[in-house]
Amino acid sequence: MSELIRFGVSIENDLLEKFDHLIQERNYFNRSEAIRDLIRSELVREQWQDSEAEAVGTITIIYDHEVGDLPHLLTHIQHDFHQQIISTMHVHLDNNHCLEVLALKGQTKIIRKIANKLISLKGVKHGKLVMTTSGKDV
């Protein structure tokens, strides 16, 4: 961990009150930790703007395994990108529906490509890519 630096911030009173209310709801111990998280979040978002950058993320999908050849297609896509998909979790939600969570590591453009391929398949009812970082640069 690098050295801590103190700095002053000028902010309108009503905006600060809203911020204090927000961080209280989110159980932050103090403003400093909340501001650090906001900065980290923006740094991660900026990292994902670079299509060549290395990053990590998760893809979560909910799908009906009775739709066509969907389970085979999902497996096929995952095998095509086995170098980026580092772990998966599969949960049977009911007789037809499954939840699948994939952890990925690789170039942001490849992770986005995998997410788009999986989420757009017929029978996938909901999908979301969560973009994050390995933690090295934040």
C-alpha atoms as a PDB file:
ATOM      1  CA  MET A   1       0.000   0.000   0.000  1.00  0.00           C
ATOM      2  CA  SER A   2       1.330   3.415  -0.904  1.00  0.00           C
ATOM      3  CA  GLU A   3       1.544   6.423   1.396  1.00  0.00           C
ATOM      4  CA  LEU A   4      -1.732   8.102   2.358  1.00  0.00           C
ATOM      5  CA  ILE A   5      -2.136  11.712   1.219  1.00  0.00           C
ATOM      6  CA  ARG A   6      -4.648  14.126   2.747  1.00  0.00           C
ATOM      7  CA  PHE A   7      -6.302  16.671   0.476  1.00  0.00           C
ATOM      8  CA  GLY A   8      -9.176  19.134   0.784  1.00  0.00           C
ATOM      9  CA  VAL A   9     -12.342  19.104  -1.291  1.00  0.00           C
ATOM     10  CA  SER A  10     -14.810  21.967  -1.710  1.00  0.00           C
ATOM     11  CA  ILE A  11     -18.388  20.806  -2.146  1.00  0.00           C
ATOM     12  CA  GLU A  12     -21.868  22.301  -1.837  1.00  0.00           C
ATOM     13  CA  ASN A  13     -23.554  21.575   1.498  1.00  0.00           C
ATOM     14  CA  ASP A  14     -26.647  19.898   0.032  1.00  0.00           C
ATOM     15  CA  LEU A  15     -24.513  17.644  -2.175  1.00  0.00           C
ATOM     16  CA  LEU A  16     -22.398  16.642   0.819  1.00  0.00           C
ATOM     17  CA  GLU A  17     -25.543  15.851   2.838  1.00  0.00           C
ATOM     18  CA  LYS A  18     -26.769  13.571   0.033  1.00  0.00           C
ATOM     19  CA  PHE A  19     -23.365  11.921  -0.146  1.00  0.00           C
ATOM     20  CA  ASP A  20     -23.281  11.375   3.634  1.00  0.00           C
ATOM     21  CA  HIS A  21     -26.764   9.848   3.500  1.00  0.00           C
ATOM     22  CA  LEU A  22     -25.698   7.549   0.655  1.00  0.00           C
ATOM     23  CA  ILE A  23     -22.523   6.338   2.338  1.00  0.00           C
ATOM     24  CA  GLN A  24     -24.419   5.756   5.588  1.00  0.00           C
ATOM     25  CA  GLU A  25     -26.900   3.514   3.714  1.00  0.00           C
ATOM     26  CA  ARG A  26     -23.980   1.622   2.219  1.00  0.00           C
ATOM     27  CA  ASN A  27     -22.315   1.209   5.619  1.00  0.00           C
ATOM     28  CA  TYR A  28     -19.104   3.048   4.825  1.00  0.00           C
ATOM     29  CA  PHE A  29     -17.036   3.728   7.911  1.00  0.00           C
ATOM     30  CA  ASN A  30     -16.109   7.221   6.694  1.00  0.00           C
ATOM     31  CA  ARG A  31     -16.085   9.556   3.671  1.00  0.00           C
ATOM     32  CA  SER A  32     -12.488   8.687   2.792  1.00  0.00           C
ATOM     33  CA  GLU A  33     -13.281   5.026   2.151  1.00  0.00           C
ATOM     34  CA  ALA A  34     -16.348   5.951   0.075  1.00  0.00           C
ATOM     35  CA  ILE A  35     -14.320   8.400  -2.022  1.00  0.00           C
ATOM     36  CA  ARG A  36     -11.550   5.812  -2.507  1.00  0.00           C
ATOM     37  CA  ASP A  37     -14.163   3.332  -3.797  1.00  0.00           C
ATOM     38  CA  LEU A  38     -15.589   5.929  -6.203  1.00  0.00           C
ATOM     39  CA  ILE A  39     -12.102   6.614  -7.554  1.00  0.00           C
ATOM     40  CA  ARG A  40     -11.367   2.885  -7.935  1.00  0.00           C
ATOM     41  CA  SER A  41     -14.679   2.382  -9.717  1.00  0.00           C
ATOM     42  CA  GLU A  42     -13.834   5.103 -12.245  1.00  0.00           C
ATOM     43  CA  LEU A  43     -10.341   3.660 -12.774  1.00  0.00           C
ATOM     44  CA  VAL A  44     -11.850   0.233 -13.509  1.00  0.00           C
ATOM     45  CA  ARG A  45     -14.411   1.786 -15.848  1.00  0.00           C
ATOM     46  CA  GLU A  46     -11.602   3.599 -17.664  1.00  0.00           C
ATOM     47  CA  GLN A  47      -9.581   0.368 -17.903  1.00  0.00           C
ATOM     48  CA  TRP A  48     -12.519  -1.287 -19.687  1.00  0.00           C
ATOM     49  CA  GLN A  49     -12.494   1.495 -22.329  1.00  0.00           C
ATOM     50  CA  ASP A  50      -9.178   0.085 -23.586  1.00  0.00           C
ATOM     51  CA  SER A  51     -10.098  -2.960 -25.685  1.00  0.00           C
ATOM     52  CA  GLU A  52      -6.575  -4.375 -25.334  1.00  0.00           C
ATOM     53  CA  ALA A  53      -6.386  -4.032 -21.539  1.00  0.00           C
ATOM     54  CA  GLU A  54      -6.234  -7.108 -19.331  1.00  0.00           C
ATOM     55  CA  ALA A  55      -9.155  -7.353 -16.962  1.00  0.00           C
ATOM     56  CA  VAL A  56     -11.378  -9.779 -15.119  1.00  0.00           C
ATOM     57  CA  GLY A  57     -15.124 -10.075 -15.033  1.00  0.00           C
ATOM     58  CA  THR A  58     -18.100 -12.315 -14.500  1.00  0.00           C
ATOM     59  CA  ILE A  59     -20.944 -13.220 -16.802  1.00  0.00           C
ATOM     60  CA  THR A  60     -24.183 -14.315 -15.188  1.00  0.00           C
ATOM     61  CA  ILE A  61     -26.915 -15.874 -17.312  1.00  0.00           C
ATOM     62  CA  ILE A  62     -30.344 -17.317 -16.606  1.00  0.00           C
ATOM     63  CA  TYR A  63     -31.628 -19.685 -19.255  1.00  0.00           C
ATOM     64  CA  ASP A  64     -34.188 -22.341 -20.088  1.00  0.00           C
ATOM     65  CA  HIS A  65     -32.272 -25.533 -20.840  1.00  0.00           C
ATOM     66  CA  GLU A  66     -35.281 -26.932 -22.779  1.00  0.00           C
ATOM     67  CA  VAL A  67     -34.916 -24.363 -25.576  1.00  0.00           C
ATOM     68  CA  GLY A  68     -33.508 -25.973 -28.716  1.00  0.00           C
ATOM     69  CA  ASP A  69     -29.859 -26.873 -28.570  1.00  0.00           C
ATOM     70  CA  LEU A  70     -29.034 -24.196 -26.010  1.00  0.00           C
ATOM     71  CA  PRO A  71     -27.076 -26.317 -23.482  1.00  0.00           C
ATOM     72  CA  HIS A  72     -24.873 -27.623 -26.299  1.00  0.00           C
ATOM     73  CA  LEU A  73     -24.317 -24.111 -27.710  1.00  0.00           C
ATOM     74  CA  LEU A  74     -23.403 -22.722 -24.292  1.00  0.00           C
ATOM     75  CA  THR A  75     -20.911 -25.519 -23.730  1.00  0.00           C
ATOM     76  CA  HIS A  76     -19.462 -25.110 -27.209  1.00  0.00           C
ATOM     77  CA  ILE A  77     -18.893 -21.364 -26.741  1.00  0.00           C
ATOM     78  CA  GLN A  78     -17.297 -21.939 -23.357  1.00  0.00           C
ATOM     79  CA  HIS A  79     -14.898 -24.481 -24.853  1.00  0.00           C
ATOM     80  CA  ASP A  80     -14.024 -22.038 -27.642  1.00  0.00           C
ATOM     81  CA  PHE A  81     -12.908 -19.542 -24.971  1.00  0.00           C
ATOM     82  CA  HIS A  82     -11.433 -21.928 -22.406  1.00  0.00           C
ATOM     83  CA  GLN A  83      -8.306 -19.759 -22.115  1.00  0.00           C
ATOM     84  CA  GLN A  84     -10.358 -16.804 -20.844  1.00  0.00           C
ATOM     85  CA  ILE A  85     -12.969 -18.682 -18.781  1.00  0.00           C
ATOM     86  CA  ILE A  86     -11.210 -19.571 -15.550  1.00  0.00           C
ATOM     87  CA  SER A  87     -14.172 -20.954 -13.592  1.00  0.00           C
ATOM     88  CA  THR A  88     -17.890 -21.661 -13.881  1.00  0.00           C
ATOM     89  CA  MET A  89     -20.744 -22.375 -11.529  1.00  0.00           C
ATOM     90  CA  HIS A  90     -24.001 -24.004 -12.625  1.00  0.00           C
ATOM     91  CA  VAL A  91     -27.179 -24.012 -10.507  1.00  0.00           C
ATOM     92  CA  HIS A  92     -30.450 -25.807 -11.352  1.00  0.00           C
ATOM     93  CA  LEU A  93     -33.108 -23.258 -10.336  1.00  0.00           C
ATOM     94  CA  ASP A  94     -36.168 -25.393 -11.157  1.00  0.00           C
ATOM     95  CA  ASN A  95     -37.187 -28.066 -13.691  1.00  0.00           C
ATOM     96  CA  ASN A  96     -36.266 -25.863 -16.672  1.00  0.00           C
ATOM     97  CA  HIS A  97     -34.228 -22.880 -15.558  1.00  0.00           C
ATOM     98  CA  CYS A  98     -30.527 -22.720 -14.850  1.00  0.00           C
ATOM     99  CA  LEU A  99     -28.219 -20.057 -13.470  1.00  0.00           C
ATOM    100  CA  GLU A 100     -24.675 -20.015 -14.756  1.00  0.00           C
ATOM    101  CA  VAL A 101     -21.859 -17.761 -13.547  1.00  0.00           C
ATOM    102  CA  LEU A 102     -18.581 -17.596 -15.446  1.00  0.00           C
ATOM    103  CA  ALA A 103     -15.395 -15.970 -14.147  1.00  0.00           C
ATOM    104  CA  LEU A 104     -13.185 -14.628 -16.920  1.00  0.00           C
ATOM    105  CA  LYS A 105      -9.742 -13.128 -17.320  1.00  0.00           C
ATOM    106  CA  GLY A 106      -8.324 -11.652 -20.500  1.00  0.00           C
ATOM    107  CA  GLN A 107      -8.498  -8.724 -22.877  1.00  0.00           C
ATOM    108  CA  THR A 108     -11.585  -6.596 -22.380  1.00  0.00           C
ATOM    109  CA  LYS A 109     -12.584  -6.968 -26.032  1.00  0.00           C
ATOM    110  CA  ILE A 110     -12.545 -10.783 -25.752  1.00  0.00           C
ATOM    111  CA  ILE A 111     -14.512 -10.797 -22.495  1.00  0.00           C
ATOM    112  CA  ARG A 112     -17.139  -8.522 -24.092  1.00  0.00           C
ATOM    113  CA  LYS A 113     -17.259 -10.792 -27.147  1.00  0.00           C
ATOM    114  CA  ILE A 114     -17.901 -13.858 -24.977  1.00  0.00           C
ATOM    115  CA  ALA A 115     -20.610 -12.035 -23.016  1.00  0.00           C
ATOM    116  CA  ASN A 116     -22.352 -10.896 -26.192  1.00  0.00           C
ATOM    117  CA  LYS A 117     -22.271 -14.408 -27.674  1.00  0.00           C
ATOM    118  CA  LEU A 118     -23.727 -16.014 -24.531  1.00  0.00           C
ATOM    119  CA  ILE A 119     -26.314 -13.395 -23.618  1.00  0.00           C
ATOM    120  CA  SER A 120     -27.738 -13.118 -27.154  1.00  0.00           C
ATOM    121  CA  LEU A 121     -28.496 -16.838 -27.523  1.00  0.00           C
ATOM    122  CA  LYS A 122     -32.151 -17.836 -27.891  1.00  0.00           C
ATOM    123  CA  GLY A 123     -33.351 -19.195 -24.560  1.00  0.00           C
ATOM    124  CA  VAL A 124     -31.102 -16.977 -22.431  1.00  0.00           C
ATOM    125  CA  LYS A 125     -33.660 -14.967 -20.470  1.00  0.00           C
ATOM    126  CA  HIS A 126     -31.265 -12.612 -18.715  1.00  0.00           C
ATOM    127  CA  GLY A 127     -27.575 -12.008 -18.768  1.00  0.00           C
ATOM    128  CA  LYS A 128     -25.148  -9.515 -17.368  1.00  0.00           C
ATOM    129  CA  LEU A 129     -21.447  -8.814 -17.681  1.00  0.00           C
ATOM    130  CA  VAL A 130     -19.847  -7.423 -14.534  1.00  0.00           C
ATOM    131  CA  MET A 131     -16.559  -5.764 -15.359  1.00  0.00           C
ATOM    132  CA  THR A 132     -13.968  -5.529 -12.655  1.00  0.00           C
ATOM    133  CA  THR A 133     -10.230  -5.626 -12.203  1.00  0.00           C
ATOM    134  CA  SER A 134      -7.546  -7.972 -10.967  1.00  0.00           C
ATOM    135  CA  GLY A 135      -6.776  -5.294  -8.385  1.00  0.00           C
ATOM    136  CA  LYS A 136      -3.219  -4.609  -9.558  1.00  0.00           C
ATOM    137  CA  ASP A 137      -3.743  -1.034 -10.731  1.00  0.00           C
ATOM    138  CA  VAL A 138      -6.281   0.320  -8.256  1.00  0.00           C
END
